[in-house]
C-alpha cells in the first residue's frame, strides 16, 4: 500500500498522526498522574512550585521521546 503514496505525503501523515498521538498521550499521562498524587498540579504550578514543574516537564519529555522513537522506527 505504501508504494502507491508519495513518500513525502506518507511522512507528513506520520508526522500529523504522530503529533496527535503524542499530545493525547501527554494529556492522558498528566491526568492519570494528577489522580495518583495527593496535591493539585495546577494549583502548585500557579503558586510557582518549581519541583512540580520539573516533574511535569520530565514526564512530557519521557512520553515524547518514547512515542518519537516508536513513530521514527515505524518509518523503516
PDB file of N, CA and C in Angstrom:
ATOM      1  N   UNK A   1       0.812  -1.184   0.000  1.00  0.00           N
ATOM      2  CA  UNK A   1       0.000   0.000   0.000  1.00  0.00           C
ATOM      3  C   UNK A   1       0.863   1.258   0.000  1.00  0.00           C
ATOM      4  N   UNK A   2       2.016   1.213   0.652  1.00  0.00           N
ATOM      5  CA  UNK A   2       2.861   2.399   0.718  1.00  0.00           C
ATOM      6  C   UNK A   2       3.507   2.717  -0.621  1.00  0.00           C
ATOM      7  N   UNK A   3       3.507   1.770  -1.556  1.00  0.00           N
ATOM      8  CA  UNK A   3       4.078   2.043  -2.877  1.00  0.00           C
ATOM      9  C   UNK A   3       3.211   3.010  -3.677  1.00  0.00           C
ATOM     10  N   UNK A   4       1.914   3.084  -3.358  1.00  0.00           N
ATOM     11  CA  UNK A   4       1.023   3.958  -4.112  1.00  0.00           C
ATOM     12  C   UNK A   4       1.076   5.404  -3.638  1.00  0.00           C
ATOM     13  N   UNK A   5       1.564   5.649  -2.421  1.00  0.00           N
ATOM     14  CA  UNK A   5       1.656   7.005  -1.887  1.00  0.00           C
ATOM     15  C   UNK A   5       3.035   7.586  -2.131  1.00  0.00           C
ATOM     16  N   UNK A   6       3.078   8.885  -2.358  1.00  0.00           N
ATOM     17  CA  UNK A   6       4.345   9.588  -2.453  1.00  0.00           C
ATOM     18  C   UNK A   6       4.997   9.567  -1.062  1.00  0.00           C
ATOM     19  N   UNK A   7       6.281   9.288  -0.951  1.00  0.00           N
ATOM     20  CA  UNK A   7       6.922   9.223   0.371  1.00  0.00           C
ATOM     21  C   UNK A   7       6.791  10.516   1.184  1.00  0.00           C
ATOM     22  N   UNK A   8       6.746  11.656   0.520  1.00  0.00           N
ATOM     23  CA  UNK A   8       6.593  12.917   1.251  1.00  0.00           C
ATOM     24  C   UNK A   8       5.218  12.991   1.902  1.00  0.00           C
ATOM     25  N   UNK A   9       4.179  12.603   1.168  1.00  0.00           N
ATOM     26  CA  UNK A   9       2.821  12.606   1.724  1.00  0.00           C
ATOM     27  C   UNK A   9       2.720  11.605   2.863  1.00  0.00           C
ATOM     28  N   UNK A  10       3.319  10.457   2.700  1.00  0.00           N
ATOM     29  CA  UNK A  10       3.291   9.434   3.742  1.00  0.00           C
ATOM     30  C   UNK A  10       3.997   9.921   5.006  1.00  0.00           C
ATOM     31  N   UNK A  11       5.135  10.590   4.855  1.00  0.00           N
ATOM     32  CA  UNK A  11       5.839  11.131   6.021  1.00  0.00           C
ATOM     33  C   UNK A  11       5.037  12.235   6.691  1.00  0.00           C
ATOM     34  N   UNK A  12       4.354  13.066   5.914  1.00  0.00           N
ATOM     35  CA  UNK A  12       3.513  14.106   6.508  1.00  0.00           C
ATOM     36  C   UNK A  12       2.345  13.495   7.289  1.00  0.00           C
ATOM     37  N   UNK A  13       1.792  12.403   6.772  1.00  0.00           N
ATOM     38  CA  UNK A  13       0.741  11.706   7.519  1.00  0.00           C
ATOM     39  C   UNK A  13       1.272  11.127   8.823  1.00  0.00           C
ATOM     40  N   UNK A  14       2.473  10.536   8.781  1.00  0.00           N
ATOM     41  CA  UNK A  14       3.102  10.020  10.005  1.00  0.00           C
ATOM     42  C   UNK A  14       3.318  11.141  11.011  1.00  0.00           C
ATOM     43  N   UNK A  15       3.778  12.288  10.548  1.00  0.00           N
ATOM     44  CA  UNK A  15       4.025  13.422  11.450  1.00  0.00           C
ATOM     45  C   UNK A  15       2.718  13.913  12.054  1.00  0.00           C
ATOM     46  N   UNK A  16       1.686  14.039  11.232  1.00  0.00           N
ATOM     47  CA  UNK A  16       0.400  14.535  11.716  1.00  0.00           C
ATOM     48  C   UNK A  16      -0.200  13.608  12.770  1.00  0.00           C
ATOM     49  N   UNK A  17      -0.324  12.331  12.428  1.00  0.00           N
ATOM     50  CA  UNK A  17      -0.910  11.387  13.377  1.00  0.00           C
ATOM     51  C   UNK A  17      -0.004  11.143  14.574  1.00  0.00           C
ATOM     52  N   UNK A  18       1.296  11.185  14.363  1.00  0.00           N
ATOM     53  CA  UNK A  18       2.225  11.052  15.482  1.00  0.00           C
ATOM     54  C   UNK A  18       2.101  12.210  16.448  1.00  0.00           C
ATOM     55  N   UNK A  19       1.932  13.423  15.927  1.00  0.00           N
ATOM     56  CA  UNK A  19       1.745  14.590  16.786  1.00  0.00           C
ATOM     57  C   UNK A  19       0.464  14.511  17.587  1.00  0.00           C
ATOM     58  N   UNK A  20      -0.602  14.061  16.929  1.00  0.00           N
ATOM     59  CA  UNK A  20      -1.880  13.909  17.640  1.00  0.00           C
ATOM     60  C   UNK A  20      -1.766  12.841  18.728  1.00  0.00           C
ATOM     61  N   UNK A  21      -1.130  11.718  18.403  1.00  0.00           N
ATOM     62  CA  UNK A  21      -0.947  10.668  19.411  1.00  0.00           C
ATOM     63  C   UNK A  21      -0.094  11.151  20.579  1.00  0.00           C
ATOM     64  N   UNK A  22       0.952  11.900  20.282  1.00  0.00           N
ATOM     65  CA  UNK A  22       1.826  12.400  21.336  1.00  0.00           C
ATOM     66  C   UNK A  22       1.064  13.344  22.266  1.00  0.00           C
ATOM     67  N   UNK A  23       0.308  14.270  21.696  1.00  0.00           N
ATOM     68  CA  UNK A  23      -0.471  15.185  22.534  1.00  0.00           C
ATOM     69  C   UNK A  23      -1.505  14.436  23.367  1.00  0.00           C
ATOM     70  N   UNK A  24      -2.153  13.438  22.761  1.00  0.00           N
ATOM     71  CA  UNK A  24      -3.147  12.660  23.501  1.00  0.00           C
ATOM     72  C   UNK A  24      -2.518  11.914  24.669  1.00  0.00           C
ATOM     73  N   UNK A  25      -1.374  11.256  24.429  1.00  0.00           N
ATOM     74  CA  UNK A  25      -0.744  10.504  25.499  1.00  0.00           C
ATOM     75  C   UNK A  25      -0.163  11.418  26.574  1.00  0.00           C
ATOM     76  N   UNK A  26       0.310  12.607  26.201  1.00  0.00           N
ATOM     77  CA  UNK A  26       0.793  13.546  27.209  1.00  0.00           C
ATOM     78  C   UNK A  26      -0.362  14.042  28.074  1.00  0.00           C
ATOM     79  N   UNK A  27      -1.494  14.346  27.455  1.00  0.00           N
ATOM     80  CA  UNK A  27      -2.666  14.782  28.208  1.00  0.00           C
ATOM     81  C   UNK A  27      -3.152  13.667  29.138  1.00  0.00           C
ATOM     82  N   UNK A  28      -3.233  12.444  28.593  1.00  0.00           N
ATOM     83  CA  UNK A  28      -3.679  11.305  29.393  1.00  0.00           C
ATOM     84  C   UNK A  28      -2.716  11.031  30.543  1.00  0.00           C
ATOM     85  N   UNK A  29      -1.416  11.086  30.268  1.00  0.00           N
ATOM     86  CA  UNK A  29      -0.427  10.858  31.317  1.00  0.00           C
ATOM     87  C   UNK A  29      -0.514  11.890  32.419  1.00  0.00           C
ATOM     88  N   UNK A  30      -0.726  13.140  32.060  1.00  0.00           N
ATOM     89  CA  UNK A  30      -0.842  14.194  33.068  1.00  0.00           C
ATOM     90  C   UNK A  30      -2.102  14.002  33.909  1.00  0.00           C
ATOM     91  N   UNK A  31      -3.206  13.651  33.266  1.00  0.00           N
ATOM     92  CA  UNK A  31      -4.456  13.411  34.002  1.00  0.00           C
ATOM     93  C   UNK A  31      -4.323  12.206  34.940  1.00  0.00           C
ATOM     94  N   UNK A  32      -3.719  11.134  34.448  1.00  0.00           N
ATOM     95  CA  UNK A  32      -3.550   9.949  35.294  1.00  0.00           C
ATOM     96  C   UNK A  32      -2.639  10.254  36.471  1.00  0.00           C
ATOM     97  N   UNK A  33      -1.561  11.003  36.217  1.00  0.00           N
ATOM     98  CA  UNK A  33      -0.626  11.308  37.290  1.00  0.00           C
ATOM     99  C   UNK A  33      -1.253  12.243  38.316  1.00  0.00           C
ATOM    100  N   UNK A  34      -2.120  13.148  37.884  1.00  0.00           N
ATOM    101  CA  UNK A  34      -2.760  14.058  38.842  1.00  0.00           C
ATOM    102  C   UNK A  34      -3.720  13.307  39.762  1.00  0.00           C
ATOM    103  N   UNK A  35      -4.234  12.157  39.314  1.00  0.00           N
ATOM    104  CA  UNK A  35      -5.081  11.344  40.187  1.00  0.00           C
ATOM    105  C   UNK A  35      -4.257  10.534  41.185  1.00  0.00           C
ATOM    106  N   UNK A  36      -3.002  10.275  40.861  1.00  0.00           N
ATOM    107  CA  UNK A  36      -2.148   9.479  41.739  1.00  0.00           C
ATOM    108  C   UNK A  36      -1.593  10.304  42.897  1.00  0.00           C
ATOM    109  N   UNK A  37      -1.152  11.535  42.599  1.00  0.00           N
ATOM    110  CA  UNK A  37      -0.530  12.362  43.638  1.00  0.00           C
ATOM    111  C   UNK A  37      -1.597  12.976  44.524  1.00  0.00           C
ATOM    112  N   UNK A  38      -1.193  13.391  45.708  1.00  0.00           N
ATOM    113  CA  UNK A  38      -2.154  13.897  46.692  1.00  0.00           C
ATOM    114  C   UNK A  38      -2.289  15.414  46.660  1.00  0.00           C
ATOM    115  N   UNK A  39      -1.861  16.064  45.603  1.00  0.00           N
ATOM    116  CA  UNK A  39      -1.986  17.513  45.502  1.00  0.00           C
ATOM    117  C   UNK A  39      -2.461  17.883  44.103  1.00  0.00           C
ATOM    118  N   UNK A  40      -2.937  19.111  43.963  1.00  0.00           N
ATOM    119  CA  UNK A  40      -3.403  19.601  42.672  1.00  0.00           C
ATOM    120  C   UNK A  40      -2.214  20.168  41.897  1.00  0.00           C
ATOM    121  N   UNK A  41      -1.952  19.586  40.750  1.00  0.00           N
ATOM    122  CA  UNK A  41      -0.808  20.014  39.941  1.00  0.00           C
ATOM    123  C   UNK A  41      -1.010  21.452  39.472  1.00  0.00           C
ATOM    124  N   UNK A  42      -2.215  21.808  39.048  1.00  0.00           N
ATOM    125  CA  UNK A  42      -2.477  23.156  38.557  1.00  0.00           C
ATOM    126  C   UNK A  42      -2.272  24.200  39.648  1.00  0.00           C
ATOM    127  N   UNK A  43      -2.755  23.918  40.846  1.00  0.00           N
ATOM    128  CA  UNK A  43      -2.580  24.879  41.946  1.00  0.00           C
ATOM    129  C   UNK A  43      -1.111  25.046  42.301  1.00  0.00           C
ATOM    130  N   UNK A  44      -0.376  23.933  42.316  1.00  0.00           N
ATOM    131  CA  UNK A  44       1.045  24.009  42.646  1.00  0.00           C
ATOM    132  C   UNK A  44       1.823  24.785  41.592  1.00  0.00           C
ATOM    133  N   UNK A  45       1.464  24.633  40.329  1.00  0.00           N
ATOM    134  CA  UNK A  45       2.128  25.387  39.267  1.00  0.00           C
ATOM    135  C   UNK A  45       1.786  26.870  39.355  1.00  0.00           C
ATOM    136  N   UNK A  46       0.544  27.201  39.705  1.00  0.00           N
ATOM    137  CA  UNK A  46       0.161  28.600  39.858  1.00  0.00           C
ATOM    138  C   UNK A  46       0.892  29.255  41.023  1.00  0.00           C
ATOM    139  N   UNK A  47       1.186  28.467  42.068  1.00  0.00           N
ATOM    140  CA  UNK A  47       1.927  29.001  43.213  1.00  0.00           C
ATOM    141  C   UNK A  47       3.421  29.106  42.933  1.00  0.00           C
ATOM    142  N   UNK A  48       3.863  28.576  41.815  1.00  0.00           N
ATOM    143  CA  UNK A  48       5.274  28.682  41.442  1.00  0.00           C
ATOM    144  C   UNK A  48       6.144  27.560  41.974  1.00  0.00           C
ATOM    145  N   UNK A  49       5.572  26.403  42.237  1.00  0.00           N
ATOM    146  CA  UNK A  49       6.337  25.257  42.725  1.00  0.00           C
ATOM    147  C   UNK A  49       7.182  24.692  41.576  1.00  0.00           C
ATOM    148  N   UNK A  50       8.479  24.933  41.643  1.00  0.00           N
ATOM    149  CA  UNK A  50       9.383  24.536  40.564  1.00  0.00           C
ATOM    150  C   UNK A  50       9.513  23.013  40.484  1.00  0.00           C
ATOM    151  N   UNK A  51       9.448  22.331  41.612  1.00  0.00           N
ATOM    152  CA  UNK A  51       9.599  20.877  41.616  1.00  0.00           C
ATOM    153  C   UNK A  51       8.473  20.205  40.833  1.00  0.00           C
ATOM    154  N   UNK A  52       7.271  20.707  40.962  1.00  0.00           N
ATOM    155  CA  UNK A  52       6.142  20.141  40.221  1.00  0.00           C
ATOM    156  C   UNK A  52       6.317  20.435  38.733  1.00  0.00           C
ATOM    157  N   UNK A  53       6.786  21.617  38.414  1.00  0.00           N
ATOM    158  CA  UNK A  53       7.041  21.949  37.015  1.00  0.00           C
ATOM    159  C   UNK A  53       8.093  21.048  36.396  1.00  0.00           C
ATOM    160  N   UNK A  54       9.152  20.773  37.132  1.00  0.00           N
ATOM    161  CA  UNK A  54      10.191  19.877  36.629  1.00  0.00           C
ATOM    162  C   UNK A  54       9.677  18.448  36.490  1.00  0.00           C
ATOM    163  N   UNK A  55       8.799  18.039  37.402  1.00  0.00           N
ATOM    164  CA  UNK A  55       8.218  16.700  37.330  1.00  0.00           C
ATOM    165  C   UNK A  55       7.367  16.559  36.071  1.00  0.00           C
ATOM    166  N   UNK A  56       6.530  17.545  35.781  1.00  0.00           N
ATOM    167  CA  UNK A  56       5.684  17.513  34.587  1.00  0.00           C
ATOM    168  C   UNK A  56       6.552  17.586  33.335  1.00  0.00           C
ATOM    169  N   UNK A  57       7.596  18.427  33.364  1.00  0.00           N
ATOM    170  CA  UNK A  57       8.495  18.529  32.221  1.00  0.00           C
ATOM    171  C   UNK A  57       9.150  17.176  31.932  1.00  0.00           C
ATOM    172  N   UNK A  58       9.623  16.510  32.961  1.00  0.00           N
ATOM    173  CA  UNK A  58      10.246  15.202  32.774  1.00  0.00           C
ATOM    174  C   UNK A  58       9.282  14.171  32.226  1.00  0.00           C
ATOM    175  N   UNK A  59       8.048  14.227  32.705  1.00  0.00           N
ATOM    176  CA  UNK A  59       7.038  13.293  32.209  1.00  0.00           C
ATOM    177  C   UNK A  59       6.757  13.546  30.727  1.00  0.00           C
ATOM    178  N   UNK A  60       6.619  14.817  30.331  1.00  0.00           N
ATOM    179  CA  UNK A  60       6.365  15.139  28.929  1.00  0.00           C
ATOM    180  C   UNK A  60       7.545  14.756  28.046  1.00  0.00           C
ATOM    181  N   UNK A  61       8.756  14.992  28.514  1.00  0.00           N
ATOM    182  CA  UNK A  61       9.937  14.624  27.724  1.00  0.00           C
ATOM    183  C   UNK A  61      10.015  13.108  27.563  1.00  0.00           C
ATOM    184  N   UNK A  62       9.728  12.365  28.625  1.00  0.00           N
ATOM    185  CA  UNK A  62       9.766  10.904  28.558  1.00  0.00           C
ATOM    186  C   UNK A  62       8.726  10.346  27.609  1.00  0.00           C
ATOM    187  N   UNK A  63       7.494  10.831  27.706  1.00  0.00           N
ATOM    188  CA  UNK A  63       6.436  10.352  26.817  1.00  0.00           C
ATOM    189  C   UNK A  63       6.744  10.738  25.374  1.00  0.00           C
ATOM    190  N   UNK A  64       7.195  11.980  25.171  1.00  0.00           N
ATOM    191  CA  UNK A  64       7.516  12.428  23.818  1.00  0.00           C
ATOM    192  C   UNK A  64       8.654  11.653  23.193  1.00  0.00           C
ATOM    193  N   UNK A  65       9.678  11.351  23.987  1.00  0.00           N
ATOM    194  CA  UNK A  65      10.807  10.573  23.482  1.00  0.00           C
ATOM    195  C   UNK A  65      10.376   9.152  23.131  1.00  0.00           C
ATOM    196  N   UNK A  66       9.601   8.541  23.999  1.00  0.00           N
ATOM    197  CA  UNK A  66       9.149   7.170  23.748  1.00  0.00           C
ATOM    198  C   UNK A  66       8.290   7.097  22.489  1.00  0.00           C
ATOM    199  N   UNK A  67       7.332   7.996  22.367  1.00  0.00           N
ATOM    200  CA  UNK A  67       6.472   7.972  21.173  1.00  0.00           C
ATOM    201  C   UNK A  67       7.259   8.363  19.925  1.00  0.00           C
ATOM    202  N   UNK A  68       8.209   9.281  20.063  1.00  0.00           N
ATOM    203  CA  UNK A  68       9.036   9.654  18.917  1.00  0.00           C
ATOM    204  C   UNK A  68       9.864   8.485  18.402  1.00  0.00           C
ATOM    205  N   UNK A  69      10.373   7.687  19.322  1.00  0.00           N
ATOM    206  CA  UNK A  69      11.151   6.505  18.904  1.00  0.00           C
ATOM    207  C   UNK A  69      10.247   5.487  18.225  1.00  0.00           C
ATOM    208  N   UNK A  70       9.060   5.284  18.770  1.00  0.00           N
ATOM    209  CA  UNK A  70       8.147   4.316  18.169  1.00  0.00           C
ATOM    210  C   UNK A  70       7.739   4.763  16.765  1.00  0.00           C
ATOM    211  N   UNK A  71       7.401   6.037  16.625  1.00  0.00           N
ATOM    212  CA  UNK A  71       6.992   6.547  15.315  1.00  0.00           C
ATOM    213  C   UNK A  71       8.188   6.549  14.369  1.00  0.00           C
ATOM    214  N   UNK A  72       9.350   6.969  14.840  1.00  0.00           N
ATOM    215  CA  UNK A  72      10.533   7.029  13.989  1.00  0.00           C
ATOM    216  C   UNK A  72      10.979   5.657  13.520  1.00  0.00           C
ATOM    217  N   UNK A  73      10.900   4.672  14.391  1.00  0.00           N
ATOM    218  CA  UNK A  73      11.285   3.327  13.993  1.00  0.00           C
ATOM    219  C   UNK A  73      10.253   2.691  13.066  1.00  0.00           C
ATOM    220  N   UNK A  74       9.023   3.204  13.100  1.00  0.00           N
ATOM    221  CA  UNK A  74       7.990   2.677  12.210  1.00  0.00           C
ATOM    222  C   UNK A  74       8.138   3.163  10.779  1.00  0.00           C
ATOM    223  N   UNK A  75       9.030   4.128  10.538  1.00  0.00           N
ATOM    224  CA  UNK A  75       9.209   4.655   9.185  1.00  0.00           C
ATOM    225  C   UNK A  75      10.118   3.793   8.327  1.00  0.00           C
ATOM    226  N   UNK A  76      10.732   2.781   8.880  1.00  0.00           N
ATOM    227  CA  UNK A  76      11.647   1.932   8.110  1.00  0.00           C
ATOM    228  C   UNK A  76      10.935   1.118   7.089  1.00  0.00           C
TER     229      UNK A  76
END
